Protein backbone atom coordinates (compact mmCIF):
# COMPACT_ATOMS: atom_id res chain seq x y z
CA MET A 1 -24.36 3.96 -19.95
CA GLU A 2 -22.91 7.12 -18.43
CA PHE A 3 -19.27 6.78 -17.32
CA GLU A 4 -19.41 3.00 -17.77
CA ASN A 5 -15.62 2.67 -18.10
CA ALA A 6 -14.98 4.72 -14.97
CA ARG A 7 -17.56 2.85 -12.92
CA LYS A 8 -16.28 -0.58 -13.92
CA GLY A 9 -12.68 0.58 -13.46
CA ILE A 10 -13.40 1.81 -9.92
CA LYS A 11 -15.04 -1.53 -9.08
CA ARG A 12 -11.91 -3.33 -10.27
CA ILE A 13 -9.71 -1.06 -8.16
CA PHE A 14 -11.81 -1.80 -5.07
CA THR A 15 -11.74 -5.54 -5.78
CA ALA A 16 -7.96 -5.35 -6.23
CA GLU A 17 -7.63 -3.74 -2.78
CA ILE A 18 -9.72 -6.51 -1.20
CA LEU A 19 -7.57 -9.18 -2.87
CA SER A 20 -4.44 -7.37 -1.67
CA LEU A 21 -5.85 -7.38 1.86
CA LEU A 22 -6.53 -11.12 1.63
CA ALA A 23 -2.95 -11.67 0.42
CA MET A 24 -1.69 -9.78 3.46
CA VAL A 25 -3.83 -11.91 5.78
CA CYS A 26 -2.50 -15.10 4.15
CA GLY A 27 1.04 -13.77 4.56
CA PHE A 28 0.51 -13.17 8.27
CA GLY A 29 -1.07 -16.62 8.52
CA ALA A 30 1.99 -18.25 6.92
CA ALA A 31 4.34 -16.38 9.24
CA PHE A 32 2.25 -17.33 12.28
CA ALA A 33 2.16 -20.99 11.20
CA GLN A 34 5.95 -20.96 10.84
CA GLN A 35 6.35 -19.58 14.35
CA MET A 36 3.96 -22.18 15.78
CA MET A 37 5.86 -25.00 14.05
CA ASN A 38 9.29 -23.89 15.21
CA GLY A 39 8.34 -22.18 18.45
CA GLU A 40 10.46 -19.24 17.38
CA THR A 41 10.02 -15.54 17.95
CA VAL A 42 10.21 -13.01 15.15
CA PRO A 43 13.86 -12.17 14.38
CA ALA A 44 15.17 -8.66 15.05
CA ASN A 45 15.17 -7.89 11.33
CA GLY A 46 11.49 -8.88 11.07
CA THR A 47 12.20 -11.52 8.41
CA ILE A 48 10.81 -15.03 8.74
CA ASN A 49 12.13 -17.80 6.48
CA LEU A 50 9.09 -19.90 5.58
CA ASP A 51 9.46 -23.68 5.45
CA PRO A 52 8.21 -24.88 2.03
CA SER A 53 7.96 -28.48 3.31
CA SER A 54 4.82 -27.66 5.31
CA PRO A 55 1.60 -28.10 3.26
CA VAL A 56 -0.13 -25.32 5.21
CA ILE A 57 2.69 -22.84 4.73
CA MET A 58 3.12 -23.90 1.10
CA GLY A 59 -0.60 -23.37 0.45
CA LEU A 60 -0.65 -19.98 2.15
CA SER A 61 2.49 -18.91 0.29
CA ILE A 62 0.95 -19.87 -3.05
CA ALA A 63 -2.21 -18.00 -2.07
CA VAL A 64 -0.18 -14.89 -1.30
CA LEU A 65 1.54 -15.01 -4.70
CA ALA A 66 -1.69 -15.70 -6.61
CA LEU A 67 -3.74 -13.06 -4.80
CA SER A 68 -0.97 -10.47 -5.11
CA LEU A 69 -0.61 -11.10 -8.85
CA ILE A 70 -4.36 -10.97 -9.52
CA SER A 71 -4.65 -7.86 -7.35
CA PHE A 72 -1.88 -6.11 -9.26
CA ILE A 73 -3.42 -6.96 -12.65
CA MET A 74 -6.90 -5.85 -11.58
CA HIS A 75 -5.54 -2.64 -10.07
CA LEU A 76 -3.66 -1.82 -13.27
CA THR A 77 -6.51 -2.69 -15.62
CA GLY A 78 -9.00 -0.90 -13.37
CA ILE A 79 -7.05 2.35 -13.49
CA SER A 80 -6.53 1.93 -17.24
CA ARG A 81 -10.23 1.43 -17.91
CA ALA A 82 -11.30 4.31 -15.66
CA SER A 83 -8.80 6.58 -17.45
CA LYS A 84 -10.95 6.35 -20.59
CA ASP A 85 -13.60 8.50 -18.87
CA GLU A 86 -11.55 10.58 -16.41
CA PRO A 87 -8.08 12.13 -17.08
CA LYS A 88 -7.01 11.95 -13.41
CA PHE A 89 -6.79 8.18 -13.72
CA LYS A 90 -4.27 8.64 -16.56
CA LYS A 91 -2.01 10.45 -14.08
CA ALA A 92 -2.51 7.62 -11.60
CA LEU A 93 -1.52 5.12 -14.31
CA LEU A 94 1.61 7.13 -15.09
CA TRP A 95 2.70 7.04 -11.44
CA VAL A 96 2.00 3.31 -11.27
CA VAL A 97 4.48 2.81 -14.12
CA ILE A 98 7.01 5.13 -12.46
CA GLY A 99 6.67 3.16 -9.21
CA ILE A 100 7.27 -0.12 -11.04
CA VAL A 101 10.41 1.29 -12.66
CA LEU A 102 11.73 2.61 -9.34
CA GLY A 103 11.06 -0.72 -7.64
CA SER A 104 12.84 -2.59 -10.44
CA VAL A 105 15.86 -0.27 -10.21
CA ASN A 106 16.13 -0.81 -6.46
CA SER A 107 15.87 -4.60 -6.72
CA SER A 108 17.99 -5.09 -9.84
CA PHE A 109 21.01 -2.91 -9.07
CA HIS A 110 23.37 -2.88 -6.13
CA LEU A 111 22.92 0.74 -5.12
CA GLU A 112 24.66 2.52 -2.28
CA GLU A 113 22.57 2.68 0.88
CA ALA A 114 21.88 6.41 0.58
CA VAL A 115 20.86 6.07 -3.09
CA SER A 116 18.74 2.99 -2.37
CA THR A 117 16.96 4.85 0.44
CA GLY A 118 16.29 7.77 -1.88
CA VAL A 119 14.88 5.51 -4.60
CA ASP A 120 12.72 3.72 -2.03
CA MET A 121 11.34 7.02 -0.75
CA ALA A 122 10.61 8.11 -4.34
CA LYS A 123 8.73 4.83 -4.90
CA THR A 124 6.73 5.42 -1.73
CA LEU A 125 5.87 8.92 -2.95
CA SER A 126 4.74 7.51 -6.31
CA GLU A 127 2.42 5.09 -4.51
CA LEU A 128 0.95 7.98 -2.54
CA LEU A 129 0.38 9.96 -5.75
CA VAL A 130 -1.34 6.95 -7.34
CA LYS A 131 -3.76 6.80 -4.42
CA CYS A 132 -4.34 10.56 -4.43
CA PHE A 133 -5.11 10.62 -8.18
CA ILE A 134 -7.44 7.63 -7.81
CA ILE A 135 -9.34 9.40 -5.02
CA SER A 136 -9.45 12.65 -7.01
CA GLY A 137 -10.58 10.75 -10.10
CA VAL A 138 -13.41 9.04 -8.25
CA MET A 139 -14.50 12.38 -6.76
CA SER A 140 -14.48 13.96 -10.22
CA VAL A 141 -16.63 11.17 -11.68
CA ALA A 142 -19.00 11.38 -8.71
CA GLU A 143 -19.37 15.12 -9.16
CA GLN A 144 -20.15 14.74 -12.85
CA MET A 145 -22.71 12.04 -12.01
CA ASN A 146 -24.26 14.28 -9.37
CA ARG A 147 -23.18 12.18 -6.37
CA PRO A 148 -22.12 14.95 -3.94
CA GLY A 149 -22.13 12.60 -0.95
CA LEU A 150 -18.74 11.14 -1.94
CA LYS A 151 -16.92 14.47 -1.64
CA PHE A 152 -16.64 14.37 2.16
CA LEU A 153 -15.34 10.79 2.22
CA GLY A 154 -12.96 11.56 -0.64
CA ASN A 155 -11.44 14.57 1.13
CA LYS A 156 -11.15 12.51 4.31
CA ALA A 157 -9.38 9.71 2.45
CA LEU A 158 -6.97 12.23 0.87
CA VAL A 159 -6.13 13.83 4.22
CA TRP A 160 -5.47 10.51 5.92
CA ALA A 161 -3.41 9.17 2.99
CA VAL A 162 -1.12 12.22 3.06
CA LEU A 163 -1.00 12.36 6.86
CA ALA A 164 -0.06 8.69 7.19
CA GLN A 165 2.72 9.14 4.64
CA LEU A 166 4.07 12.24 6.37
CA VAL A 167 4.12 10.42 9.70
CA SER A 168 5.88 7.43 8.13
CA LEU A 169 8.54 9.60 6.46
CA GLY A 170 8.97 11.67 9.61
CA LEU A 171 9.51 8.60 11.79
CA LYS A 172 11.91 7.17 9.21
CA GLY A 173 13.86 10.43 9.32
CA VAL A 174 14.00 10.28 13.12
CA SER A 175 15.24 6.69 12.91
CA ILE A 176 18.01 7.64 10.47
CA TRP A 177 18.98 10.68 12.54
CA TYR A 178 19.09 8.59 15.73
CA GLY A 179 21.29 6.02 14.01
CA VAL A 180 23.72 8.71 12.82
CA LYS A 181 23.87 10.46 16.17
CA GLY A 182 24.02 7.24 18.18
CA GLY A 183 26.49 5.54 15.91
CA ASN A 184 24.33 2.42 15.82
CA PRO A 185 20.53 2.40 15.40
CA VAL A 186 20.23 -1.07 16.94
CA VAL A 187 21.55 -0.18 20.38
CA ALA A 188 19.50 -1.35 23.36
CA ASP A 189 18.12 2.04 24.33
CA PHE A 190 16.81 2.58 20.79
CA ILE A 191 14.68 -0.55 20.69
CA PRO A 192 11.75 0.87 22.76
CA VAL A 193 11.82 4.07 20.69
CA ALA A 194 11.82 2.11 17.42
CA ALA A 195 8.94 -0.06 18.65
CA LEU A 196 6.92 3.01 19.60
CA MET A 197 7.59 4.66 16.23
CA LEU A 198 6.55 1.47 14.42
CA VAL A 199 3.28 1.26 16.38
CA VAL A 200 2.47 4.93 15.69
CA SER A 201 3.19 4.51 11.97
CA LEU A 202 1.10 1.32 11.77
CA VAL A 203 -1.85 2.99 13.49
CA PHE A 204 -1.84 5.88 11.00
CA ASP A 205 -1.42 3.48 8.06
CA LEU A 206 -4.29 1.31 9.30
CA ILE A 207 -6.66 4.25 9.73
CA ALA A 208 -5.73 5.64 6.29
CA TYR A 209 -6.26 2.22 4.67
CA ILE A 210 -9.66 1.71 6.33
CA VAL A 211 -10.84 5.18 5.26
CA TYR A 212 -9.59 4.53 1.71
CA LEU A 213 -11.36 1.16 1.49
CA ARG A 214 -14.56 2.66 2.87
CA PHE A 215 -14.38 5.42 0.28
CA LEU A 216 -13.91 2.96 -2.60
CA LYS A 217 -16.70 0.71 -1.32
CA THR A 218 -19.09 3.66 -1.00
CA ALA A 219 -18.08 4.84 -4.47
CA THR A 220 -18.81 1.46 -6.09
CA GLN A 221 -22.22 1.39 -4.40
CA SER A 222 -23.07 5.02 -5.15
CA LEU A 223 -21.92 5.10 -8.75
CA GLY A 224 -23.61 1.83 -9.60
């Protein structure tokens, strides 16, 4: 069948995103359950230590790990399979590997804060490039299969992916600048500003993610 590898690869990528979303929901559920058990608010650093003695939290935590692992494998194998029919997916696969290496470097070595921040930003950029090459690859396959309807959604997904990343990096830069100028980024008058920046960034990320998922879903349906 025409572009069979690409079509099956794209379906795997979409399925991987759905599993990743489910893992995120389970993670929020575990955090919420922990708060309900202890009656605690979320700490200032945003980190919640989950209690493994609770069956509910234990189950949700296992679900998060399992779903995340399966999602990662399906995402990787999906891109790899699609790359057999479309070269753009090979570039996406390359940036996936680069992102894994950067993440390993940041977690395995005790880097200075400035270096660690730089590596983290490079990893974020690699993730953006993976998404952009996936979108471009799907659009290329759609064009070759005479499915012009995907072009609009693909361009929209690209714009939102880049825009959300620019907003995130811009707000992070403002946060760093405020911390340097103020001497301490966790001063009382910075908290409302930080909260507002977080909300703005989350809104852009959410819109970009929804558009991306819609594009992948439409692609799996359109390409067959």
